[in-house]
Amino acid sequence: GWGLLRNRFWMDVEALQSAGYSWTIIGHMTEKTIRVNKQDITVQRP
């Protein structure tokens, strides 16, 4: 399922490129708490 979704999205991007467009893709980030050396730290991830 993940592979199908990835291909579905990317086929559109490749088709836009082939049609002569350049592009910008915007992605959000979120904060996540992870455990490092027995301490909780907050990091930002896509």
All heavy atoms as atom14 arrays in JSON, in Angstrom:
{
  "sequence": "GWGLLRNRFWMDVEALQSAGYSWTIIGHMTEKTIRVNKQDITVQRP",
  "atom14_mask": [
    [1, 1, 1, 1, 0, 0, 0, 0, 0, 0, 0, 0, 0, 0],
    [1, 1, 1, 1, 1, 1, 1, 1, 1, 1, 1, 1, 1, 1],
    [1, 1, 1, 1, 0, 0, 0, 0, 0, 0, 0, 0, 0, 0],
    [1, 1, 1, 1, 1, 1, 1, 1, 0, 0, 0, 0, 0, 0],
    [1, 1, 1, 1, 1, 1, 1, 1, 0, 0, 0, 0, 0, 0],
    [1, 1, 1, 1, 1, 1, 1, 1, 1, 1, 1, 0, 0, 0],
    [1, 1, 1, 1, 1, 1, 1, 1, 0, 0, 0, 0, 0, 0],
    [1, 1, 1, 1, 1, 1, 1, 1, 1, 1, 1, 0, 0, 0],
    [1, 1, 1, 1, 1, 1, 1, 1, 1, 1, 1, 0, 0, 0],
    [1, 1, 1, 1, 1, 1, 1, 1, 1, 1, 1, 1, 1, 1],
    [1, 1, 1, 1, 1, 1, 1, 1, 0, 0, 0, 0, 0, 0],
    [1, 1, 1, 1, 1, 1, 1, 1, 0, 0, 0, 0, 0, 0],
    [1, 1, 1, 1, 1, 1, 1, 0, 0, 0, 0, 0, 0, 0],
    [1, 1, 1, 1, 1, 1, 1, 1, 1, 0, 0, 0, 0, 0],
    [1, 1, 1, 1, 1, 0, 0, 0, 0, 0, 0, 0, 0, 0],
    [1, 1, 1, 1, 1, 1, 1, 1, 0, 0, 0, 0, 0, 0],
    [1, 1, 1, 1, 1, 1, 1, 1, 1, 0, 0, 0, 0, 0],
    [1, 1, 1, 1, 1, 1, 0, 0, 0, 0, 0, 0, 0, 0],
    [1, 1, 1, 1, 1, 0, 0, 0, 0, 0, 0, 0, 0, 0],
    [1, 1, 1, 1, 0, 0, 0, 0, 0, 0, 0, 0, 0, 0],
    [1, 1, 1, 1, 1, 1, 1, 1, 1, 1, 1, 1, 0, 0],
    [1, 1, 1, 1, 1, 1, 0, 0, 0, 0, 0, 0, 0, 0],
    [1, 1, 1, 1, 1, 1, 1, 1, 1, 1, 1, 1, 1, 1],
    [1, 1, 1, 1, 1, 1, 1, 0, 0, 0, 0, 0, 0, 0],
    [1, 1, 1, 1, 1, 1, 1, 1, 0, 0, 0, 0, 0, 0],
    [1, 1, 1, 1, 1, 1, 1, 1, 0, 0, 0, 0, 0, 0],
    [1, 1, 1, 1, 0, 0, 0, 0, 0, 0, 0, 0, 0, 0],
    [1, 1, 1, 1, 1, 1, 1, 1, 1, 1, 0, 0, 0, 0],
    [1, 1, 1, 1, 1, 1, 1, 1, 0, 0, 0, 0, 0, 0],
    [1, 1, 1, 1, 1, 1, 1, 0, 0, 0, 0, 0, 0, 0],
    [1, 1, 1, 1, 1, 1, 1, 1, 1, 0, 0, 0, 0, 0],
    [1, 1, 1, 1, 1, 1, 1, 1, 1, 0, 0, 0, 0, 0],
    [1, 1, 1, 1, 1, 1, 1, 0, 0, 0, 0, 0, 0, 0],
    [1, 1, 1, 1, 1, 1, 1, 1, 0, 0, 0, 0, 0, 0],
    [1, 1, 1, 1, 1, 1, 1, 1, 1, 1, 1, 0, 0, 0],
    [1, 1, 1, 1, 1, 1, 1, 0, 0, 0, 0, 0, 0, 0],
    [1, 1, 1, 1, 1, 1, 1, 1, 0, 0, 0, 0, 0, 0],
    [1, 1, 1, 1, 1, 1, 1, 1, 1, 0, 0, 0, 0, 0],
    [1, 1, 1, 1, 1, 1, 1, 1, 1, 0, 0, 0, 0, 0],
    [1, 1, 1, 1, 1, 1, 1, 1, 0, 0, 0, 0, 0, 0],
    [1, 1, 1, 1, 1, 1, 1, 1, 0, 0, 0, 0, 0, 0],
    [1, 1, 1, 1, 1, 1, 1, 0, 0, 0, 0, 0, 0, 0],
    [1, 1, 1, 1, 1, 1, 1, 0, 0, 0, 0, 0, 0, 0],
    [1, 1, 1, 1, 1, 1, 1, 1, 1, 0, 0, 0, 0, 0],
    [1, 1, 1, 1, 1, 1, 1, 1, 1, 1, 1, 0, 0, 0],
    [1, 1, 1, 1, 1, 1, 1, 0, 0, 0, 0, 0, 0, 0]
  ],
  "atom14_positions": [
    [[0.81, -1.22, 0.0], [0.0, 0.0, 0.0], [0.83, 1.25, 0.0], [0.54, 2.22, -0.71], [0.0, 0.0, 0.0], [0.0, 0.0, 0.0], [0.0, 0.0, 0.0], [0.0, 0.0, 0.0], [0.0, 0.0, 0.0], [0.0, 0.0, 0.0], [0.0, 0.0, 0.0], [0.0, 0.0, 0.0], [0.0, 0.0, 0.0], [0.0, 0.0, 0.0]],
    [[1.9, 1.24, 0.81], [2.79, 2.4, 0.85], [3.45, 2.64, -0.51], [3.59, 3.77, -0.96], [3.88, 2.17, 1.9], [3.38, 2.15, 3.3], [3.1, 1.04, 4.06], [3.08, 3.28, 4.13], [2.64, 1.41, 5.3], [2.63, 2.77, 5.37], [3.15, 4.65, 3.94], [2.24, 3.6, 6.42], [2.77, 5.48, 4.99], [2.32, 4.96, 6.21]],
    [[3.85, 1.54, -1.16], [4.47, 1.66, -2.47], [3.53, 2.24, -3.5], [3.91, 3.08, -4.32], [0.0, 0.0, 0.0], [0.0, 0.0, 0.0], [0.0, 0.0, 0.0], [0.0, 0.0, 0.0], [0.0, 0.0, 0.0], [0.0, 0.0, 0.0], [0.0, 0.0, 0.0], [0.0, 0.0, 0.0], [0.0, 0.0, 0.0], [0.0, 0.0, 0.0]],
    [[2.27, 1.79, -3.48], [1.28, 2.31, -4.42], [1.04, 3.8, -4.2], [0.94, 4.58, -5.15], [-0.04, 1.56, -4.28], [-0.1, 0.14, -4.86], [-1.44, -0.5, -4.53], [0.12, 0.16, -6.38], [0.0, 0.0, 0.0], [0.0, 0.0, 0.0], [0.0, 0.0, 0.0], [0.0, 0.0, 0.0], [0.0, 0.0, 0.0], [0.0, 0.0, 0.0]],
    [[0.95, 4.2, -2.93], [0.72, 5.61, -2.63], [1.9, 6.47, -3.07], [1.72, 7.53, -3.68], [0.48, 5.8, -1.14], [0.27, 7.24, -0.66], [-0.93, 7.88, -1.35], [0.11, 7.29, 0.85], [0.0, 0.0, 0.0], [0.0, 0.0, 0.0], [0.0, 0.0, 0.0], [0.0, 0.0, 0.0], [0.0, 0.0, 0.0], [0.0, 0.0, 0.0]],
    [[3.1, 6.01, -2.78], [4.29, 6.75, -3.2], [4.33, 6.91, -4.71], [4.6, 8.0, -5.23], [5.55, 6.02, -2.71], [6.85, 6.75, -3.03], [8.06, 6.0, -2.51], [8.18, 4.69, -3.14], [8.02, 3.53, -2.52], [7.69, 3.52, -1.24], [8.16, 2.38, -3.16], [0.0, 0.0, 0.0], [0.0, 0.0, 0.0], [0.0, 0.0, 0.0]],
    [[4.04, 5.85, -5.43], [4.07, 5.91, -6.89], [2.98, 6.82, -7.44], [3.19, 7.54, -8.42], [3.93, 4.51, -7.48], [5.12, 3.63, -7.18], [6.2, 4.13, -6.83], [4.95, 2.32, -7.27], [0.0, 0.0, 0.0], [0.0, 0.0, 0.0], [0.0, 0.0, 0.0], [0.0, 0.0, 0.0], [0.0, 0.0, 0.0], [0.0, 0.0, 0.0]],
    [[1.81, 6.79, -6.81], [0.7, 7.62, -7.28], [1.05, 9.09, -7.16], [0.81, 9.88, -8.08], [-0.57, 7.31, -6.48], [-1.77, 8.14, -6.88], [-3.06, 7.57, -6.33], [-3.32, 6.23, -6.83], [-4.49, 5.61, -6.75], [-5.52, 6.22, -6.21], [-4.65, 4.39, -7.22], [0.0, 0.0, 0.0], [0.0, 0.0, 0.0], [0.0, 0.0, 0.0]],
    [[1.62, 9.47, -6.03], [2.02, 10.86, -5.85], [3.14, 11.25, -6.81], [3.08, 12.3, -7.47], [2.49, 11.08, -4.4], [3.13, 12.43, -4.17], [2.36, 13.57, -4.05], [4.52, 12.55, -4.11], [2.95, 14.81, -3.87], [5.12, 13.79, -3.92], [4.33, 14.92, -3.79], [0.0, 0.0, 0.0], [0.0, 0.0, 0.0], [0.0, 0.0, 0.0]],
    [[4.14, 10.39, -6.92], [5.31, 10.77, -7.7], [5.04, 10.76, -9.2], [5.67, 11.51, -9.96], [6.49, 9.87, -7.37], [7.78, 10.45, -7.87], [8.59, 9.97, -8.86], [8.39, 11.67, -7.42], [9.66, 10.8, -9.05], [9.57, 11.86, -8.17], [8.06, 12.62, -6.46], [10.39, 12.96, -8.0], [8.89, 13.71, -6.27], [10.04, 13.86, -7.03]],
    [[4.11, 9.97, -9.66], [3.75, 9.98, -11.08], [3.26, 11.36, -11.49], [3.58, 11.84, -12.6], [2.69, 8.92, -11.37], [3.21, 7.5, -11.49], [1.89, 6.29, -11.74], [1.17, 6.89, -13.26], [0.0, 0.0, 0.0], [0.0, 0.0, 0.0], [0.0, 0.0, 0.0], [0.0, 0.0, 0.0], [0.0, 0.0, 0.0], [0.0, 0.0, 0.0]],
    [[2.51, 12.03, -10.64], [2.04, 13.38, -10.94], [3.21, 14.35, -11.01], [3.26, 15.21, -11.9], [1.04, 13.85, -9.87], [-0.32, 13.19, -10.0], [-0.66, 12.76, -11.12], [-1.04, 13.12, -8.98], [0.0, 0.0, 0.0], [0.0, 0.0, 0.0], [0.0, 0.0, 0.0], [0.0, 0.0, 0.0], [0.0, 0.0, 0.0], [0.0, 0.0, 0.0]],
    [[4.14, 14.25, -10.07], [5.29, 15.15, -10.07], [6.13, 14.94, -11.32], [6.55, 15.91, -11.98], [6.15, 14.93, -8.8], [7.39, 15.83, -8.83], [5.33, 15.21, -7.54], [0.0, 0.0, 0.0], [0.0, 0.0, 0.0], [0.0, 0.0, 0.0], [0.0, 0.0, 0.0], [0.0, 0.0, 0.0], [0.0, 0.0, 0.0], [0.0, 0.0, 0.0]],
    [[6.37, 13.69, -11.68], [7.16, 13.41, -12.89], [6.44, 13.9, -14.15], [7.08, 14.39, -15.08], [7.44, 11.91, -12.99], [8.47, 11.42, -11.99], [8.85, 9.99, -12.23], [7.95, 9.19, -12.59], [10.04, 9.64, -12.07], [0.0, 0.0, 0.0], [0.0, 0.0, 0.0], [0.0, 0.0, 0.0], [0.0, 0.0, 0.0], [0.0, 0.0, 0.0]],
    [[5.12, 13.77, -14.18], [4.36, 14.24, -15.33], [4.45, 15.76, -15.46], [4.55, 16.29, -16.57], [2.9, 13.8, -15.22], [0.0, 0.0, 0.0], [0.0, 0.0, 0.0], [0.0, 0.0, 0.0], [0.0, 0.0, 0.0], [0.0, 0.0, 0.0], [0.0, 0.0, 0.0], [0.0, 0.0, 0.0], [0.0, 0.0, 0.0], [0.0, 0.0, 0.0]],
    [[4.43, 16.46, -14.33], [4.6, 17.92, -14.36], [5.98, 18.29, -14.88], [6.13, 19.2, -15.7], [4.4, 18.49, -12.95], [2.97, 18.47, -12.39], [2.97, 18.89, -10.93], [2.05, 19.39, -13.2], [0.0, 0.0, 0.0], [0.0, 0.0, 0.0], [0.0, 0.0, 0.0], [0.0, 0.0, 0.0], [0.0, 0.0, 0.0], [0.0, 0.0, 0.0]],
    [[6.99, 17.58, -14.43], [8.35, 17.83, -14.92], [8.44, 17.6, -16.43], [9.01, 18.42, -17.16], [9.36, 16.9, -14.22], [9.61, 17.23, -12.78], [10.61, 16.27, -12.14], [10.81, 16.3, -10.95], [11.23, 15.42, -12.91], [0.0, 0.0, 0.0], [0.0, 0.0, 0.0], [0.0, 0.0, 0.0], [0.0, 0.0, 0.0], [0.0, 0.0, 0.0]],
    [[7.89, 16.5, -16.88], [7.94, 16.18, -18.32], [7.2, 17.21, -19.16], [7.53, 17.42, -20.33], [7.34, 14.79, -18.57], [8.1, 13.79, -17.91], [0.0, 0.0, 0.0], [0.0, 0.0, 0.0], [0.0, 0.0, 0.0], [0.0, 0.0, 0.0], [0.0, 0.0, 0.0], [0.0, 0.0, 0.0], [0.0, 0.0, 0.0], [0.0, 0.0, 0.0]],
    [[6.2, 17.86, -18.55], [5.42, 18.88, -19.26], [6.12, 20.24, -19.23], [5.59, 21.21, -19.79], [4.03, 18.99, -18.66], [0.0, 0.0, 0.0], [0.0, 0.0, 0.0], [0.0, 0.0, 0.0], [0.0, 0.0, 0.0], [0.0, 0.0, 0.0], [0.0, 0.0, 0.0], [0.0, 0.0, 0.0], [0.0, 0.0, 0.0], [0.0, 0.0, 0.0]],
    [[7.28, 20.31, -18.56], [8.06, 21.54, -18.61], [8.02, 22.42, -17.38], [8.57, 23.52, -17.39], [0.0, 0.0, 0.0], [0.0, 0.0, 0.0], [0.0, 0.0, 0.0], [0.0, 0.0, 0.0], [0.0, 0.0, 0.0], [0.0, 0.0, 0.0], [0.0, 0.0, 0.0], [0.0, 0.0, 0.0], [0.0, 0.0, 0.0], [0.0, 0.0, 0.0]],
    [[7.4, 21.95, -16.3], [7.3, 22.76, -15.09], [8.45, 22.47, -14.13], [8.93, 21.33, -14.04], [6.0, 22.47, -14.34], [4.74, 22.77, -15.11], [4.02, 21.75, -15.73], [4.24, 24.07, -15.2], [2.85, 22.01, -16.42], [3.06, 24.34, -15.89], [2.38, 23.31, -16.5], [1.21, 23.56, -17.17], [0.0, 0.0, 0.0], [0.0, 0.0, 0.0]],
    [[8.87, 23.49, -13.42], [9.67, 23.28, -12.22], [8.71, 23.23, -11.04], [7.52, 23.51, -11.2], [10.69, 24.42, -12.05], [10.05, 25.69, -12.07], [0.0, 0.0, 0.0], [0.0, 0.0, 0.0], [0.0, 0.0, 0.0], [0.0, 0.0, 0.0], [0.0, 0.0, 0.0], [0.0, 0.0, 0.0], [0.0, 0.0, 0.0], [0.0, 0.0, 0.0]],
    [[9.22, 22.87, -9.85], [8.29, 22.7, -8.75], [8.9, 23.01, -7.4], [10.11, 22.99, -7.23], [7.68, 21.29, -8.74], [8.64, 20.13, -8.83], [8.93, 19.4, -9.95], [9.42, 19.54, -7.77], [9.82, 18.4, -9.66], [10.15, 18.47, -8.33], [9.58, 19.81, -6.42], [11.02, 17.67, -7.58], [10.46, 19.03, -5.66], [11.15, 17.97, -6.24]],
    [[8.01, 23.29, -6.47], [8.36, 23.39, -5.05], [7.37, 22.53, -4.29], [6.16, 22.6, -4.53], [8.3, 24.83, -4.53], [9.33, 25.61, -5.13], [8.47, 24.87, -3.01], [0.0, 0.0, 0.0], [0.0, 0.0, 0.0], [0.0, 0.0, 0.0], [0.0, 0.0, 0.0], [0.0, 0.0, 0.0], [0.0, 0.0, 0.0], [0.0, 0.0, 0.0]],
    [[7.87, 21.7, -3.39], [7.02, 20.88, -2.54], [7.23, 21.32, -1.1], [8.36, 21.41, -0.62], [7.34, 19.38, -2.71], [6.95, 18.93, -4.13], [6.62, 18.54, -1.67], [7.32, 17.5, -4.46], [0.0, 0.0, 0.0], [0.0, 0.0, 0.0], [0.0, 0.0, 0.0], [0.0, 0.0, 0.0], [0.0, 0.0, 0.0], [0.0, 0.0, 0.0]],
    [[6.13, 21.63, -0.44], [6.16, 22.11, 0.94], [5.85, 20.97, 1.89], [4.88, 20.23, 1.69], [5.13, 23.24, 1.16], [5.43, 24.43, 0.25], [5.11, 23.67, 2.63], [6.73, 25.12, 0.52], [0.0, 0.0, 0.0], [0.0, 0.0, 0.0], [0.0, 0.0, 0.0], [0.0, 0.0, 0.0], [0.0, 0.0, 0.0], [0.0, 0.0, 0.0]],
    [[6.67, 20.82, 2.93], [6.43, 19.8, 3.94], [6.45, 20.39, 5.33], [7.26, 21.27, 5.63], [0.0, 0.0, 0.0], [0.0, 0.0, 0.0], [0.0, 0.0, 0.0], [0.0, 0.0, 0.0], [0.0, 0.0, 0.0], [0.0, 0.0, 0.0], [0.0, 0.0, 0.0], [0.0, 0.0, 0.0], [0.0, 0.0, 0.0], [0.0, 0.0, 0.0]],
    [[5.55, 19.94, 6.18], [5.5, 20.41, 7.56], [6.41, 19.59, 8.45], [6.72, 18.43, 8.15], [4.07, 20.34, 8.11], [3.14, 21.3, 7.45], [3.45, 22.63, 7.23], [1.88, 21.13, 6.95], [2.44, 23.23, 6.64], [1.47, 22.34, 6.45], [0.0, 0.0, 0.0], [0.0, 0.0, 0.0], [0.0, 0.0, 0.0], [0.0, 0.0, 0.0]],
    [[6.8, 20.19, 9.56], [7.56, 19.47, 10.58], [6.73, 19.45, 11.86], [5.83, 20.25, 12.05], [8.9, 20.15, 10.83], [9.81, 20.19, 9.62], [11.43, 20.89, 9.99], [12.17, 19.55, 10.92], [0.0, 0.0, 0.0], [0.0, 0.0, 0.0], [0.0, 0.0, 0.0], [0.0, 0.0, 0.0], [0.0, 0.0, 0.0], [0.0, 0.0, 0.0]],
    [[7.06, 18.5, 12.71], [6.38, 18.39, 13.99], [7.4, 18.1, 15.08], [8.5, 17.62, 14.79], [5.32, 17.27, 13.96], [4.57, 17.27, 15.16], [5.97, 15.9, 13.79], [0.0, 0.0, 0.0], [0.0, 0.0, 0.0], [0.0, 0.0, 0.0], [0.0, 0.0, 0.0], [0.0, 0.0, 0.0], [0.0, 0.0, 0.0], [0.0, 0.0, 0.0]],
    [[7.04, 18.42, 16.31], [7.93, 18.14, 17.44], [7.63, 16.75, 18.0], [6.48, 16.33, 18.08], [7.76, 19.19, 18.53], [8.27, 20.56, 18.11], [8.24, 21.56, 19.25], [7.52, 21.31, 20.24], [8.93, 22.6, 19.16], [0.0, 0.0, 0.0], [0.0, 0.0, 0.0], [0.0, 0.0, 0.0], [0.0, 0.0, 0.0], [0.0, 0.0, 0.0]],
    [[8.71, 16.05, 18.37], [8.57, 14.69, 18.88], [9.55, 14.51, 20.03], [10.7, 14.98, 19.96], [8.87, 13.68, 17.77], [8.72, 12.22, 18.19], [9.02, 11.3, 17.02], [8.86, 9.84, 17.41], [9.17, 8.94, 16.27], [0.0, 0.0, 0.0], [0.0, 0.0, 0.0], [0.0, 0.0, 0.0], [0.0, 0.0, 0.0], [0.0, 0.0, 0.0]],
    [[9.12, 13.85, 21.06], [9.98, 13.58, 22.21], [10.62, 12.2, 22.05], [9.92, 11.2, 21.81], [9.18, 13.63, 23.52], [8.6, 14.92, 23.67], [10.09, 13.35, 24.71], [0.0, 0.0, 0.0], [0.0, 0.0, 0.0], [0.0, 0.0, 0.0], [0.0, 0.0, 0.0], [0.0, 0.0, 0.0], [0.0, 0.0, 0.0], [0.0, 0.0, 0.0]],
    [[11.95, 12.16, 22.13], [12.68, 10.89, 22.01], [13.58, 10.72, 23.23], [13.9, 11.68, 23.93], [13.51, 10.83, 20.71], [14.58, 11.94, 20.69], [12.62, 10.91, 19.49], [15.53, 11.82, 19.51], [0.0, 0.0, 0.0], [0.0, 0.0, 0.0], [0.0, 0.0, 0.0], [0.0, 0.0, 0.0], [0.0, 0.0, 0.0], [0.0, 0.0, 0.0]],
    [[14.0, 9.5, 23.47], [14.84, 9.18, 24.62], [16.28, 9.05, 24.15], [16.59, 8.25, 23.28], [14.38, 7.87, 25.25], [14.97, 7.57, 26.62], [14.23, 8.32, 27.68], [14.66, 7.9, 29.02], [14.32, 8.53, 30.12], [13.53, 9.6, 30.04], [14.73, 8.12, 31.3], [0.0, 0.0, 0.0], [0.0, 0.0, 0.0], [0.0, 0.0, 0.0]],
    [[17.18, 9.86, 24.7], [18.6, 9.82, 24.36], [19.4, 9.83, 25.65], [19.28, 10.76, 26.47], [19.0, 11.02, 23.48], [20.5, 10.97, 23.18], [18.2, 11.04, 22.19], [0.0, 0.0, 0.0], [0.0, 0.0, 0.0], [0.0, 0.0, 0.0], [0.0, 0.0, 0.0], [0.0, 0.0, 0.0], [0.0, 0.0, 0.0], [0.0, 0.0, 0.0]],
    [[20.23, 8.79, 25.83], [21.05, 8.69, 27.05], [20.21, 8.85, 28.31], [20.56, 9.6, 29.23], [22.18, 9.72, 27.02], [23.16, 9.49, 25.88], [23.39, 8.34, 25.49], [23.71, 10.56, 25.35], [0.0, 0.0, 0.0], [0.0, 0.0, 0.0], [0.0, 0.0, 0.0], [0.0, 0.0, 0.0], [0.0, 0.0, 0.0], [0.0, 0.0, 0.0]],
    [[19.07, 8.17, 28.33], [18.15, 8.17, 29.47], [17.52, 9.53, 29.76], [17.02, 9.77, 30.85], [18.88, 7.66, 30.73], [19.4, 6.23, 30.61], [20.05, 5.78, 31.9], [20.56, 4.34, 31.76], [21.2, 3.87, 33.04], [0.0, 0.0, 0.0], [0.0, 0.0, 0.0], [0.0, 0.0, 0.0], [0.0, 0.0, 0.0], [0.0, 0.0, 0.0]],
    [[17.54, 10.39, 28.77], [16.9, 11.7, 28.92], [15.93, 11.92, 27.77], [16.2, 11.55, 26.62], [17.94, 12.83, 28.94], [18.8, 12.85, 30.19], [19.71, 14.07, 30.22], [19.99, 14.66, 29.19], [20.16, 14.44, 31.41], [0.0, 0.0, 0.0], [0.0, 0.0, 0.0], [0.0, 0.0, 0.0], [0.0, 0.0, 0.0], [0.0, 0.0, 0.0]],
    [[14.8, 12.55, 28.09], [13.83, 12.91, 27.06], [14.22, 14.25, 26.43], [14.44, 15.23, 27.15], [12.42, 13.03, 27.65], [11.86, 11.68, 28.07], [12.28, 10.67, 27.48], [11.0, 11.65, 28.97], [0.0, 0.0, 0.0], [0.0, 0.0, 0.0], [0.0, 0.0, 0.0], [0.0, 0.0, 0.0], [0.0, 0.0, 0.0], [0.0, 0.0, 0.0]],
    [[14.34, 14.27, 25.12], [14.63, 15.51, 24.42], [13.61, 15.71, 23.32], [13.04, 14.74, 22.79], [16.05, 15.54, 23.83], [16.22, 14.45, 22.75], [17.11, 15.41, 24.91], [17.52, 14.56, 21.98], [0.0, 0.0, 0.0], [0.0, 0.0, 0.0], [0.0, 0.0, 0.0], [0.0, 0.0, 0.0], [0.0, 0.0, 0.0], [0.0, 0.0, 0.0]],
    [[13.34, 16.95, 22.99], [12.38, 17.28, 21.95], [13.11, 17.59, 20.66], [14.03, 18.42, 20.63], [11.52, 18.49, 22.35], [10.81, 18.18, 23.56], [10.51, 18.83, 21.27], [0.0, 0.0, 0.0], [0.0, 0.0, 0.0], [0.0, 0.0, 0.0], [0.0, 0.0, 0.0], [0.0, 0.0, 0.0], [0.0, 0.0, 0.0], [0.0, 0.0, 0.0]],
    [[12.74, 16.91, 19.59], [13.34, 17.12, 18.28], [12.24, 17.45, 17.28], [11.05, 17.23, 17.55], [14.12, 15.87, 17.8], [15.29, 15.59, 18.72], [13.19, 14.66, 17.72], [0.0, 0.0, 0.0], [0.0, 0.0, 0.0], [0.0, 0.0, 0.0], [0.0, 0.0, 0.0], [0.0, 0.0, 0.0], [0.0, 0.0, 0.0], [0.0, 0.0, 0.0]],
    [[12.64, 17.97, 16.15], [11.68, 18.28, 15.08], [11.93, 17.35, 13.9], [13.08, 17.17, 13.47], [11.82, 19.74, 14.65], [11.43, 20.71, 15.75], [11.57, 22.16, 15.34], [12.12, 22.48, 14.3], [11.06, 23.06, 16.18], [0.0, 0.0, 0.0], [0.0, 0.0, 0.0], [0.0, 0.0, 0.0], [0.0, 0.0, 0.0], [0.0, 0.0, 0.0]],
    [[10.87, 16.77, 13.38], [10.95, 15.81, 12.29], [9.91, 16.14, 11.23], [8.84, 16.66, 11.54], [10.69, 14.39, 12.81], [11.77, 13.85, 13.74], [13.0, 13.43, 12.94], [13.97, 12.77, 13.77], [15.0, 13.37, 14.37], [15.14, 14.68, 14.24], [15.86, 12.68, 15.08], [0.0, 0.0, 0.0], [0.0, 0.0, 0.0], [0.0, 0.0, 0.0]],
    [[10.2, 15.82, 9.95], [9.17, 15.98, 8.91], [7.96, 15.12, 9.22], [8.09, 14.0, 9.73], [9.89, 15.51, 7.64], [11.35, 15.67, 7.93], [11.5, 15.39, 9.39], [0.0, 0.0, 0.0], [0.0, 0.0, 0.0], [0.0, 0.0, 0.0], [0.0, 0.0, 0.0], [0.0, 0.0, 0.0], [0.0, 0.0, 0.0], [0.0, 0.0, 0.0]]
  ]
}
